[in-house]
Protein backbone atom coordinates (compact mmCIF):
# COMPACT_ATOMS: atom_id res chain seq x y z
CA MET A 1 -52.03 -116.93 -77.99
CA THR A 2 -53.80 -118.75 -80.84
CA VAL A 3 -57.06 -120.65 -80.49
CA TYR A 4 -55.01 -123.87 -80.65
CA ASP A 5 -52.76 -122.69 -77.80
CA GLN A 6 -55.91 -121.97 -75.80
CA ARG A 7 -57.36 -125.40 -76.53
CA ARG A 8 -54.16 -127.17 -75.50
CA ALA A 9 -53.99 -125.11 -72.30
CA ALA A 10 -57.60 -126.02 -71.53
CA LEU A 11 -56.79 -129.68 -72.12
CA MET A 12 -53.89 -129.64 -69.66
CA LYS A 13 -56.14 -128.10 -67.00
CA GLU A 14 -58.67 -130.85 -67.66
CA ILE A 15 -56.38 -133.85 -67.09
CA ALA A 16 -54.19 -135.09 -64.23
CA PRO A 17 -51.21 -136.46 -66.27
CA ASP A 18 -48.54 -133.91 -67.15
CA ALA A 19 -48.66 -134.77 -70.89
CA PHE A 20 -51.12 -135.98 -73.50
CA LEU A 21 -50.46 -138.11 -76.59
CA VAL A 22 -52.40 -138.06 -79.88
CA ILE A 23 -51.62 -140.38 -82.79
CA ASN A 24 -53.31 -139.91 -86.16
CA LEU A 25 -52.26 -142.46 -88.75
CA GLU A 26 -54.56 -143.55 -91.58
CA ASP A 27 -57.19 -141.15 -90.19
CA SER A 28 -57.24 -142.87 -86.77
CA ASP A 29 -57.72 -139.61 -84.84
CA ALA A 30 -57.85 -136.76 -87.34
CA ALA A 31 -60.44 -134.79 -85.37
CA THR A 32 -58.37 -134.55 -82.18
CA LEU A 33 -55.20 -133.59 -84.04
CA GLN A 34 -56.96 -130.89 -86.07
CA TYR A 35 -58.77 -129.51 -83.01
CA LEU A 36 -55.54 -129.12 -81.03
CA THR A 37 -53.26 -127.90 -83.84
CA GLY A 38 -55.07 -127.03 -87.08
CA PHE A 39 -52.96 -129.68 -88.82
CA THR A 40 -54.89 -132.15 -91.01
CA GLY A 41 -52.13 -134.56 -92.00
CA GLU A 42 -50.73 -137.68 -90.35
CA GLY A 43 -48.56 -137.55 -87.28
CA ALA A 44 -48.29 -137.73 -83.51
CA LEU A 45 -48.73 -134.87 -81.06
CA VAL A 46 -47.28 -134.59 -77.57
CA VAL A 47 -48.82 -131.86 -75.42
CA SER A 48 -47.37 -131.05 -72.01
CA THR A 49 -47.20 -128.18 -69.57
CA LYS A 50 -43.59 -127.56 -70.62
CA GLU A 51 -43.56 -128.14 -74.38
CA THR A 52 -45.70 -129.21 -77.29
CA PHE A 53 -44.44 -130.74 -80.51
CA LEU A 54 -45.70 -132.53 -83.59
CA LEU A 55 -44.03 -135.62 -85.03
CA THR A 56 -44.61 -136.07 -88.75
CA ASP A 57 -42.81 -137.39 -91.81
CA SER A 58 -41.60 -135.82 -95.04
CA ARG A 59 -44.98 -136.17 -96.73
CA TYR A 60 -46.45 -133.62 -94.33
CA THR A 61 -43.67 -131.34 -93.08
CA GLU A 62 -44.48 -128.55 -95.55
CA GLN A 63 -48.19 -128.92 -94.81
CA ALA A 64 -47.49 -128.70 -91.08
CA SER A 65 -45.49 -125.50 -91.54
CA ARG A 66 -48.46 -123.93 -93.34
CA GLN A 67 -51.27 -125.17 -91.11
CA ALA A 68 -49.49 -124.97 -87.74
CA PRO A 69 -46.65 -122.45 -88.23
CA ARG A 70 -46.14 -121.83 -84.49
CA LEU A 71 -45.89 -125.50 -83.61
CA ALA A 72 -42.51 -127.22 -83.14
CA VAL A 73 -42.19 -130.04 -85.66
CA ARG A 74 -39.89 -133.03 -85.22
CA PRO A 75 -39.23 -135.09 -88.36
CA VAL A 76 -40.00 -138.80 -88.41
CA THR A 77 -37.34 -140.56 -90.47
CA ALA A 78 -37.90 -144.19 -89.44
CA SER A 79 -41.03 -145.65 -87.86
CA TYR A 80 -43.61 -143.69 -85.92
CA LEU A 81 -43.24 -146.17 -83.07
CA ASP A 82 -39.51 -145.38 -82.82
CA ALA A 83 -40.12 -141.64 -83.04
CA VAL A 84 -42.90 -141.55 -80.44
CA SER A 85 -40.98 -143.85 -78.08
CA ALA A 86 -37.86 -141.74 -78.29
CA ALA A 87 -39.80 -138.54 -77.75
CA LEU A 88 -41.56 -139.86 -74.66
CA LYS A 89 -38.39 -141.39 -73.20
CA GLY A 90 -36.45 -138.21 -73.82
CA GLY A 91 -39.09 -135.94 -72.32
CA SER A 92 -39.58 -134.85 -68.74
CA SER A 93 -43.16 -136.08 -68.39
CA LYS A 94 -43.71 -138.88 -65.88
CA GLN A 95 -47.33 -139.59 -66.84
CA VAL A 96 -48.70 -139.38 -70.38
CA GLY A 97 -52.45 -139.46 -70.87
CA PHE A 98 -54.16 -140.82 -73.96
CA SER A 99 -57.75 -141.19 -75.14
CA SER A 100 -58.71 -144.82 -74.63
CA PRO A 101 -61.54 -144.75 -77.22
CA ARG A 102 -59.13 -143.43 -79.86
CA LEU A 103 -55.62 -144.83 -79.35
CA SER A 104 -55.56 -148.52 -80.22
CA TYR A 105 -54.66 -151.27 -77.74
CA HIS A 106 -51.97 -152.34 -80.19
CA TRP A 107 -50.25 -148.95 -79.96
CA VAL A 108 -50.53 -148.74 -76.18
CA GLU A 109 -49.07 -152.20 -75.65
CA ARG A 110 -46.13 -151.54 -77.97
CA LEU A 111 -45.32 -148.29 -76.17
CA ARG A 112 -45.59 -149.94 -72.77
CA ARG A 113 -43.21 -152.72 -73.84
CA ARG A 114 -40.67 -150.01 -74.64
CA ARG A 115 -41.00 -148.67 -71.09
CA VAL A 116 -41.76 -145.09 -72.01
CA ALA A 117 -43.35 -142.78 -69.44
CA ARG A 118 -46.34 -144.22 -67.58
CA LEU A 119 -49.33 -144.25 -69.95
CA VAL A 120 -52.65 -143.23 -68.37
CA SER A 121 -55.97 -144.18 -70.00
CA LEU A 122 -58.45 -141.28 -70.17
CA GLU A 123 -62.05 -141.05 -71.39
CA ASP A 124 -61.50 -138.74 -74.37
CA PRO A 125 -60.90 -135.37 -72.66
CA VAL A 126 -60.58 -133.53 -75.99
CA LEU A 127 -64.05 -134.66 -77.03
CA ARG A 128 -65.38 -133.08 -73.83
CA LEU A 129 -63.77 -129.79 -74.87
CA ARG A 130 -65.26 -130.12 -78.35
CA LEU A 131 -68.83 -130.35 -77.03
CA ILE A 132 -69.10 -126.56 -76.95
CA LYS A 133 -68.51 -124.94 -80.34
CA SER A 134 -66.94 -121.51 -80.77
CA GLN A 135 -68.43 -118.90 -83.08
CA ALA A 136 -65.77 -119.76 -85.66
CA GLU A 137 -66.68 -123.45 -85.51
CA VAL A 138 -70.38 -122.68 -85.83
CA ALA A 139 -69.61 -120.48 -88.84
CA CYS A 140 -67.97 -123.45 -90.58
CA ILE A 141 -70.95 -125.67 -89.77
CA ARG A 142 -73.35 -123.02 -91.10
CA GLU A 143 -71.42 -122.91 -94.35
CA ALA A 144 -71.50 -126.71 -94.59
CA VAL A 145 -75.30 -126.59 -94.09
CA THR A 146 -75.67 -123.99 -96.84
CA VAL A 147 -73.65 -126.09 -99.28
CA THR A 148 -75.70 -129.18 -98.44
CA GLU A 149 -79.03 -127.46 -98.92
CA ARG A 150 -78.05 -125.77 -102.16
CA ALA A 151 -76.77 -129.05 -103.59
CA LEU A 152 -79.98 -130.87 -102.67
CA ALA A 153 -82.15 -128.13 -104.16
CA GLU A 154 -80.23 -128.38 -107.44
CA VAL A 155 -80.41 -132.18 -107.57
CA LEU A 156 -84.16 -132.25 -106.94
CA THR A 157 -84.75 -130.13 -110.04
CA THR A 158 -82.97 -132.69 -112.23
CA LEU A 159 -84.38 -135.97 -110.85
CA ARG A 160 -85.85 -138.28 -113.46
CA ILE A 161 -87.60 -141.64 -113.29
CA GLY A 162 -84.91 -144.27 -113.89
CA ASP A 163 -82.08 -142.41 -112.15
CA THR A 164 -80.24 -144.78 -109.81
CA GLU A 165 -79.50 -144.13 -106.16
CA ARG A 166 -75.79 -144.22 -106.95
CA LYS A 167 -76.09 -141.67 -109.76
CA ILE A 168 -77.99 -139.31 -107.47
CA ALA A 169 -75.34 -139.73 -104.75
CA LEU A 170 -72.52 -138.95 -107.19
CA ASP A 171 -74.41 -135.93 -108.52
CA LEU A 172 -74.87 -134.60 -104.99
CA GLU A 173 -71.19 -135.02 -104.13
CA TRP A 174 -70.10 -133.27 -107.33
CA ARG A 175 -72.43 -130.35 -106.66
CA MET A 176 -71.24 -130.02 -103.04
CA ARG A 177 -67.64 -129.82 -104.16
CA GLU A 178 -68.55 -127.29 -106.84
CA LEU A 179 -70.23 -125.21 -104.15
CA GLY A 180 -67.11 -125.16 -101.96
CA ALA A 181 -67.15 -128.30 -99.84
CA ASP A 182 -63.86 -130.03 -98.97
CA LYS A 183 -65.73 -133.27 -99.52
CA VAL A 184 -68.92 -134.97 -98.35
CA ALA A 185 -69.25 -135.15 -94.57
CA PHE A 186 -69.96 -138.89 -94.81
CA GLU A 187 -70.99 -141.39 -97.44
CA PRO A 188 -74.43 -140.10 -98.49
CA ILE A 189 -77.49 -142.24 -97.86
CA ILE A 190 -79.72 -142.12 -100.93
CA ALA A 191 -82.46 -144.70 -100.50
CA ALA A 192 -85.39 -145.30 -102.84
CA GLY A 193 -88.65 -147.09 -102.10
CA GLU A 194 -88.25 -150.10 -99.82
CA ASN A 195 -84.57 -149.26 -99.28
CA SER A 196 -85.52 -146.16 -97.29
CA ALA A 197 -86.53 -148.52 -94.46
CA LEU A 198 -82.81 -149.19 -93.86
CA PRO A 199 -81.52 -146.31 -91.67
CA HIS A 200 -77.88 -146.62 -92.82
CA TYR A 201 -78.42 -147.86 -96.35
CA GLN A 202 -75.65 -147.52 -98.95
CA PRO A 203 -76.76 -146.29 -102.42
CA GLY A 204 -76.95 -149.01 -105.04
CA LEU A 205 -78.22 -149.51 -108.57
CA ARG A 206 -81.92 -149.37 -107.61
CA ALA A 207 -83.63 -147.00 -110.07
CA ILE A 208 -86.24 -144.61 -108.75
CA ARG A 209 -89.83 -145.30 -109.74
CA ALA A 210 -93.08 -143.37 -109.58
CA GLY A 211 -94.54 -143.49 -106.07
CA ASP A 212 -91.20 -144.14 -104.36
CA LEU A 213 -90.25 -142.48 -101.13
CA LEU A 214 -86.73 -141.13 -101.70
CA LEU A 215 -84.61 -140.50 -98.61
CA PHE A 216 -81.57 -138.18 -98.57
CA ASP A 217 -79.30 -138.32 -95.50
CA ILE A 218 -76.49 -136.02 -96.58
CA GLY A 219 -73.88 -133.55 -95.42
CA ALA A 220 -70.93 -131.48 -96.59
CA GLN A 221 -67.57 -130.82 -94.97
CA VAL A 222 -66.15 -127.27 -94.90
CA ARG A 223 -62.75 -126.57 -93.33
CA GLY A 224 -63.05 -129.85 -91.46
CA TYR A 225 -66.50 -129.18 -90.00
CA ARG A 226 -69.55 -131.10 -91.08
CA SER A 227 -73.28 -130.82 -91.58
CA ASP A 228 -75.91 -133.55 -91.36
CA MET A 229 -79.46 -133.35 -92.70
CA THR A 230 -82.15 -135.80 -93.78
CA ARG A 231 -85.08 -135.04 -96.03
CA VAL A 232 -87.58 -137.39 -97.68
CA VAL A 233 -89.47 -136.65 -100.89
CA CYS A 234 -91.88 -138.67 -102.99
CA VAL A 235 -91.24 -139.38 -106.65
CA GLY A 236 -94.51 -138.34 -108.25
CA LYS A 237 -97.80 -138.55 -106.34
CA ALA A 238 -97.55 -139.67 -102.71
CA SER A 239 -99.80 -142.39 -101.32
CA ALA A 240 -102.01 -141.84 -98.30
CA ARG A 241 -99.79 -144.22 -96.32
CA ALA A 242 -96.64 -142.25 -97.17
CA LYS A 243 -98.33 -139.00 -96.21
CA ASP A 244 -99.43 -140.44 -92.88
CA LEU A 245 -95.93 -141.67 -92.04
CA TYR A 246 -94.52 -138.28 -92.94
CA ARG A 247 -97.11 -136.47 -90.81
CA VAL A 248 -96.22 -138.52 -87.73
CA VAL A 249 -92.45 -138.11 -88.17
CA LEU A 250 -92.80 -134.38 -88.75
CA LYS A 251 -94.82 -134.07 -85.54
CA ALA A 252 -92.14 -136.05 -83.68
CA ASN A 253 -89.42 -133.84 -85.16
CA ARG A 254 -91.22 -130.73 -83.96
CA ALA A 255 -91.74 -132.23 -80.50
CA GLY A 256 -88.03 -132.95 -80.20
CA LEU A 257 -87.15 -129.44 -81.34
CA ASP A 258 -89.61 -127.94 -78.86
CA ALA A 259 -88.00 -129.91 -76.00
CA LEU A 260 -84.47 -128.86 -76.93
CA GLY A 261 -82.74 -125.95 -75.22
CA PRO A 262 -80.17 -125.06 -72.55
CA GLY A 263 -80.56 -127.27 -69.49
CA ALA A 264 -82.60 -129.92 -71.32
CA ASP A 265 -81.75 -133.54 -70.56
CA GLY A 266 -80.79 -135.65 -73.57
CA LYS A 267 -83.12 -138.41 -72.37
CA ASP A 268 -86.07 -136.04 -72.09
CA VAL A 269 -85.59 -134.59 -75.57
CA ASP A 270 -85.46 -138.10 -77.00
CA ALA A 271 -88.56 -139.10 -75.04
CA ALA A 272 -90.58 -136.11 -76.30
CA ALA A 273 -90.14 -137.18 -79.93
CA ARG A 274 -90.37 -140.91 -79.24
CA ARG A 275 -93.70 -140.48 -77.46
CA VAL A 276 -95.30 -139.04 -80.61
CA ILE A 277 -94.25 -142.03 -82.68
CA ALA A 278 -95.32 -144.53 -80.02
CA ASP A 279 -98.73 -142.89 -79.62
CA ALA A 280 -99.26 -143.22 -83.38
CA GLY A 281 -98.64 -146.97 -83.13
CA TYR A 282 -95.16 -147.00 -84.66
CA GLY A 283 -93.08 -147.31 -81.49
CA ASP A 284 -91.46 -150.57 -82.62
CA HIS A 285 -90.34 -148.94 -85.87
CA PHE A 286 -88.09 -146.22 -84.38
CA GLY A 287 -85.05 -148.01 -83.01
CA HIS A 288 -82.23 -145.47 -83.00
CA GLY A 289 -81.56 -142.46 -80.78
CA LEU A 290 -83.05 -139.09 -81.60
CA GLY A 291 -79.79 -137.26 -82.23
CA HIS A 292 -76.07 -136.70 -81.82
CA GLY A 293 -73.51 -133.95 -81.85
CA VAL A 294 -71.92 -132.79 -85.11
CA GLY A 295 -68.63 -130.93 -85.59
CA LEU A 296 -65.26 -132.20 -86.74
CA GLU A 297 -66.94 -135.61 -86.75
CA VAL A 298 -70.42 -136.37 -87.98
CA HIS A 299 -71.16 -138.46 -84.88
CA GLU A 300 -69.83 -136.97 -81.66
CA GLY A 301 -71.22 -135.80 -78.31
CA PRO A 302 -73.64 -134.88 -76.96
CA ARG A 303 -76.28 -137.56 -77.43
CA LEU A 304 -80.06 -137.43 -77.50
CA SER A 305 -81.22 -140.93 -76.63
CA ALA A 306 -82.84 -143.03 -73.93
CA GLN A 307 -79.33 -143.79 -72.63
CA SER A 308 -78.01 -140.21 -72.74
CA SER A 309 -76.38 -138.68 -69.68
CA ASP A 310 -75.87 -135.31 -71.39
CA THR A 311 -77.37 -131.97 -70.44
CA MET A 312 -77.67 -129.43 -73.22
CA GLU A 313 -75.49 -126.32 -72.98
CA PRO A 314 -75.17 -123.21 -75.16
CA GLY A 315 -72.76 -123.87 -78.02
CA MET A 316 -73.69 -127.50 -78.52
CA VAL A 317 -74.70 -128.52 -82.05
CA VAL A 318 -76.96 -131.57 -82.29
CA THR A 319 -79.25 -133.35 -84.73
CA VAL A 320 -82.93 -134.06 -84.15
CA GLU A 321 -83.83 -137.00 -86.39
CA PRO A 322 -86.85 -139.16 -85.57
CA GLY A 323 -87.82 -141.83 -88.07
CA ILE A 324 -90.27 -144.61 -88.87
CA TYR A 325 -89.06 -147.60 -90.91
CA LEU A 326 -91.47 -150.16 -92.38
CA SER A 327 -89.83 -153.19 -93.99
CA GLY A 328 -90.93 -153.75 -97.58
CA PHE A 329 -92.55 -150.32 -97.84
CA GLY A 330 -90.02 -147.66 -96.91
CA GLY A 331 -89.09 -145.18 -94.24
CA VAL A 332 -89.30 -141.54 -93.31
CA ARG A 333 -86.68 -139.63 -91.32
CA ILE A 334 -86.60 -135.86 -90.86
CA GLU A 335 -83.30 -134.57 -89.52
CA ASP A 336 -82.48 -131.01 -88.56
CA LEU A 337 -79.21 -129.60 -87.26
CA VAL A 338 -79.64 -127.35 -84.21
CA LEU A 339 -77.45 -124.95 -82.24
CA VAL A 340 -78.28 -124.67 -78.53
CA THR A 341 -78.17 -121.00 -77.49
CA ARG A 342 -78.37 -119.14 -74.18
CA LYS A 343 -82.03 -118.27 -74.81
CA GLY A 344 -83.11 -121.48 -76.52
CA LYS A 345 -82.01 -122.84 -79.86
CA GLU A 346 -81.37 -121.97 -83.49
CA ILE A 347 -82.31 -124.43 -86.21
CA LEU A 348 -79.39 -124.30 -88.65
CA THR A 349 -81.09 -126.31 -91.39
CA SER A 350 -83.75 -124.47 -93.35
CA PHE A 351 -84.54 -126.82 -96.23
CA PRO A 352 -88.35 -127.20 -96.38
CA SER A 353 -89.81 -130.12 -94.43
CA ASP A 354 -93.33 -128.93 -93.55
CA ARG A 355 -94.90 -131.34 -96.06
CA LEU A 356 -93.99 -134.41 -98.10
CA MET A 357 -92.62 -132.81 -101.25
CA GLU A 358 -93.52 -134.47 -104.57
CA VAL A 359 -90.77 -134.32 -107.22
CA GLY A 360 -89.72 -135.78 -110.54
């Protein structure tokens, strides 16, 4: 039995319906399809207690035979709607579950109009299975971390006054691919000066200048699995204000890491870091949650936030990323990627963060 057979068997034990439907078109649910089959192309998957098969078209049939050689593949020659409808009508399953956060309302309504088996809305049961990473999954994440850190180290040695955020982002992506990444884990956030106060900023043509804070929120993807890390440096000599912000965020990062471990409540871990920032007078300048899971997706469960209902378990991989963002001046975020273990935790990221590094 392959790891994918085991995952599908675990899924069927998790849900009440006697079948489960996954549709991945235009990257709509690539993570679920890859997790259950190893296949990274487009298609639809029907998992049941009696049979499992993949529906895909001629663009991906050869790929499917390579990536999922033990999986039955049914060719799609017309529309995916026709193929999925026929497969569900022709099957023996009376109830077919689907992930309501992932399968669109449009798809569900069209299938229901065709009177296929009864469709049952579920709260993403595959994501629940994905919360706990296997050793093989962690190994991929480790490799993605290594690629990310090596690429950043190389880029920092070449930074020059006048380089634009966009040039730096492109340089980082090229280096990650050269080092073995499939691609970047997400669009990199390279933010200079005042732009670093925008947590999800997109790199533009802003050129770096002496005295700028320069924020890197970056990650690589290796065999589908992702890394996520944020580091902030200063271009040239750092101001006293920049150093103070960095000191507070670093202390908050360490407080969050100290609170993290098996059995920890996601709310409590968030609160430990948030308290440091609030006590320093910057409570209104840290608006996002402390962290999130990382795996086949860069944002997945569990969550570390004031609204979290998650309890940390061994095998979970989460970020710890407190930040302070001051409009017109800039921001500091320090993000580490952490594996929860039976005895505590392992910090997967090792790129230096113990001081505000001055570069360029």
